[in-house]
Amino acid sequence: EPAAPRLEGFAVQVGAFRDETKLQAARDKLKAARLAHYTERIGADGGALTRLRAGPYPTREAADKAAAAIRKAGIAEGQVVPLP
């Protein structure tokens, strides 16, 4: 597993998953589309989710382009979010 990127700029929220199989399927689609991405674990054990985001991107414009590529590939709707 690669180290988490520096969370600056913007990212595209692809989804939040409890199911590891669905998470991996979404990650595989991002890899196939050659989009940089990372995961973040949120919540406590019983309600834990894994957030999947594409990025980070230095500008909102770059994140908007990535979100468009994610939609075009049929991966997810994708929402641009500011970081940290």
C-alpha atoms as a PDB file:
ATOM      1  CA  GLU A   1       0.000   0.000   0.000  1.00  0.00           C
ATOM      2  CA  PRO A   2       1.546   3.345  -1.020  1.00  0.00           C
ATOM      3  CA  ALA A   3       1.998   6.083   1.543  1.00  0.00           C
ATOM      4  CA  ALA A   4      -0.875   8.550   1.843  1.00  0.00           C
ATOM      5  CA  PRO A   5      -0.368  11.648  -0.307  1.00  0.00           C
ATOM      6  CA  ARG A   6      -0.053  15.141   1.165  1.00  0.00           C
ATOM      7  CA  LEU A   7      -3.625  16.285   1.466  1.00  0.00           C
ATOM      8  CA  GLU A   8      -3.501  19.767  -0.027  1.00  0.00           C
ATOM      9  CA  GLY A   9      -5.607  21.334  -2.739  1.00  0.00           C
ATOM     10  CA  PHE A  10      -8.646  19.343  -3.875  1.00  0.00           C
ATOM     11  CA  ALA A  11      -9.799  15.758  -4.284  1.00  0.00           C
ATOM     12  CA  VAL A  12     -12.755  13.994  -5.873  1.00  0.00           C
ATOM     13  CA  GLN A  13     -14.896  12.018  -3.439  1.00  0.00           C
ATOM     14  CA  VAL A  14     -15.648   8.774  -5.284  1.00  0.00           C
ATOM     15  CA  GLY A  15     -17.473   6.979  -2.479  1.00  0.00           C
ATOM     16  CA  ALA A  16     -17.478   5.687   1.081  1.00  0.00           C
ATOM     17  CA  PHE A  17     -17.565   1.919   1.508  1.00  0.00           C
ATOM     18  CA  ARG A  18     -18.202  -0.612   4.258  1.00  0.00           C
ATOM     19  CA  ASP A  19     -17.915  -3.529   1.835  1.00  0.00           C
ATOM     20  CA  GLU A  20     -14.277  -4.294   0.969  1.00  0.00           C
ATOM     21  CA  THR A  21     -15.274  -5.994  -2.308  1.00  0.00           C
ATOM     22  CA  LYS A  22     -17.117  -2.903  -3.564  1.00  0.00           C
ATOM     23  CA  LEU A  23     -14.218  -0.696  -2.479  1.00  0.00           C
ATOM     24  CA  GLN A  24     -11.740  -2.841  -4.386  1.00  0.00           C
ATOM     25  CA  ALA A  25     -13.949  -2.835  -7.495  1.00  0.00           C
ATOM     26  CA  ALA A  26     -14.067   0.982  -7.443  1.00  0.00           C
ATOM     27  CA  ARG A  27     -10.288   1.163  -6.897  1.00  0.00           C
ATOM     28  CA  ASP A  28      -9.733  -1.173  -9.843  1.00  0.00           C
ATOM     29  CA  LYS A  29     -11.829   1.117 -12.057  1.00  0.00           C
ATOM     30  CA  LEU A  30      -9.787   4.143 -10.971  1.00  0.00           C
ATOM     31  CA  LYS A  31      -6.559   2.238 -11.684  1.00  0.00           C
ATOM     32  CA  ALA A  32      -7.840   1.259 -15.135  1.00  0.00           C
ATOM     33  CA  ALA A  33      -8.656   4.932 -15.813  1.00  0.00           C
ATOM     34  CA  ARG A  34      -5.113   5.810 -14.619  1.00  0.00           C
ATOM     35  CA  LEU A  35      -6.384   8.167 -11.934  1.00  0.00           C
ATOM     36  CA  ALA A  36      -4.323   8.668  -8.780  1.00  0.00           C
ATOM     37  CA  HIS A  37      -6.380   7.826  -5.707  1.00  0.00           C
ATOM     38  CA  TYR A  38      -6.172   7.092  -2.002  1.00  0.00           C
ATOM     39  CA  THR A  39      -8.308   5.801   0.849  1.00  0.00           C
ATOM     40  CA  GLU A  40      -9.073   7.116   4.320  1.00  0.00           C
ATOM     41  CA  ARG A  41     -10.561   5.111   7.167  1.00  0.00           C
ATOM     42  CA  ILE A  42     -13.319   7.043   8.984  1.00  0.00           C
ATOM     43  CA  GLY A  43     -15.515   6.169  11.957  1.00  0.00           C
ATOM     44  CA  ALA A  44     -15.226   3.640  14.742  1.00  0.00           C
ATOM     45  CA  ASP A  45     -14.927  -0.143  14.335  1.00  0.00           C
ATOM     46  CA  GLY A  46     -18.634  -1.001  14.066  1.00  0.00           C
ATOM     47  CA  GLY A  47     -19.525   1.931  11.808  1.00  0.00           C
ATOM     48  CA  ALA A  48     -16.205   2.230  10.017  1.00  0.00           C
ATOM     49  CA  LEU A  49     -16.196   3.368   6.425  1.00  0.00           C
ATOM     50  CA  THR A  50     -13.383   3.624   3.944  1.00  0.00           C
ATOM     51  CA  ARG A  51     -13.517   6.827   1.932  1.00  0.00           C
ATOM     52  CA  LEU A  52     -12.200   6.570  -1.625  1.00  0.00           C
ATOM     53  CA  ARG A  53     -10.943   9.745  -3.243  1.00  0.00           C
ATOM     54  CA  ALA A  54      -9.167  10.569  -6.476  1.00  0.00           C
ATOM     55  CA  GLY A  55      -6.320  13.021  -6.217  1.00  0.00           C
ATOM     56  CA  PRO A  56      -5.080  15.131  -4.636  1.00  0.00           C
ATOM     57  CA  TYR A  57      -5.108  17.887  -7.267  1.00  0.00           C
ATOM     58  CA  PRO A  58      -3.434  21.298  -6.862  1.00  0.00           C
ATOM     59  CA  THR A  59      -6.375  23.292  -8.258  1.00  0.00           C
ATOM     60  CA  ARG A  60     -10.162  23.040  -8.385  1.00  0.00           C
ATOM     61  CA  GLU A  61      -9.924  23.092 -12.190  1.00  0.00           C
ATOM     62  CA  ALA A  62      -7.733  19.970 -12.183  1.00  0.00           C
ATOM     63  CA  ALA A  63     -10.117  18.249  -9.759  1.00  0.00           C
ATOM     64  CA  ASP A  64     -13.112  19.217 -11.934  1.00  0.00           C
ATOM     65  CA  LYS A  65     -11.392  17.598 -14.946  1.00  0.00           C
ATOM     66  CA  ALA A  66     -10.772  14.438 -12.933  1.00  0.00           C
ATOM     67  CA  ALA A  67     -14.406  14.392 -11.759  1.00  0.00           C
ATOM     68  CA  ALA A  68     -15.522  14.644 -15.402  1.00  0.00           C
ATOM     69  CA  ALA A  69     -13.235  11.719 -16.321  1.00  0.00           C
ATOM     70  CA  ILE A  70     -14.642   9.672 -13.425  1.00  0.00           C
ATOM     71  CA  ARG A  71     -18.209  10.345 -14.578  1.00  0.00           C
ATOM     72  CA  LYS A  72     -17.342   9.626 -18.225  1.00  0.00           C
ATOM     73  CA  ALA A  73     -15.776   6.287 -17.213  1.00  0.00           C
ATOM     74  CA  GLY A  74     -18.976   5.409 -15.342  1.00  0.00           C
ATOM     75  CA  ILE A  75     -17.136   4.976 -12.060  1.00  0.00           C
ATOM     76  CA  ALA A  76     -19.163   7.386  -9.902  1.00  0.00           C
ATOM     77  CA  GLU A  77     -20.734  10.825  -9.868  1.00  0.00           C
ATOM     78  CA  GLY A  78     -17.764  12.209  -7.955  1.00  0.00           C
ATOM     79  CA  GLN A  79     -17.824  15.382  -5.909  1.00  0.00           C
ATOM     80  CA  VAL A  80     -14.939  17.834  -5.719  1.00  0.00           C
ATOM     81  CA  VAL A  81     -13.947  18.528  -2.104  1.00  0.00           C
ATOM     82  CA  PRO A  82     -11.346  20.923  -0.691  1.00  0.00           C
ATOM     83  CA  LEU A  83      -8.499  19.481   1.339  1.00  0.00           C
ATOM     84  CA  PRO A  84      -6.962  19.156   3.973  1.00  0.00           C
END
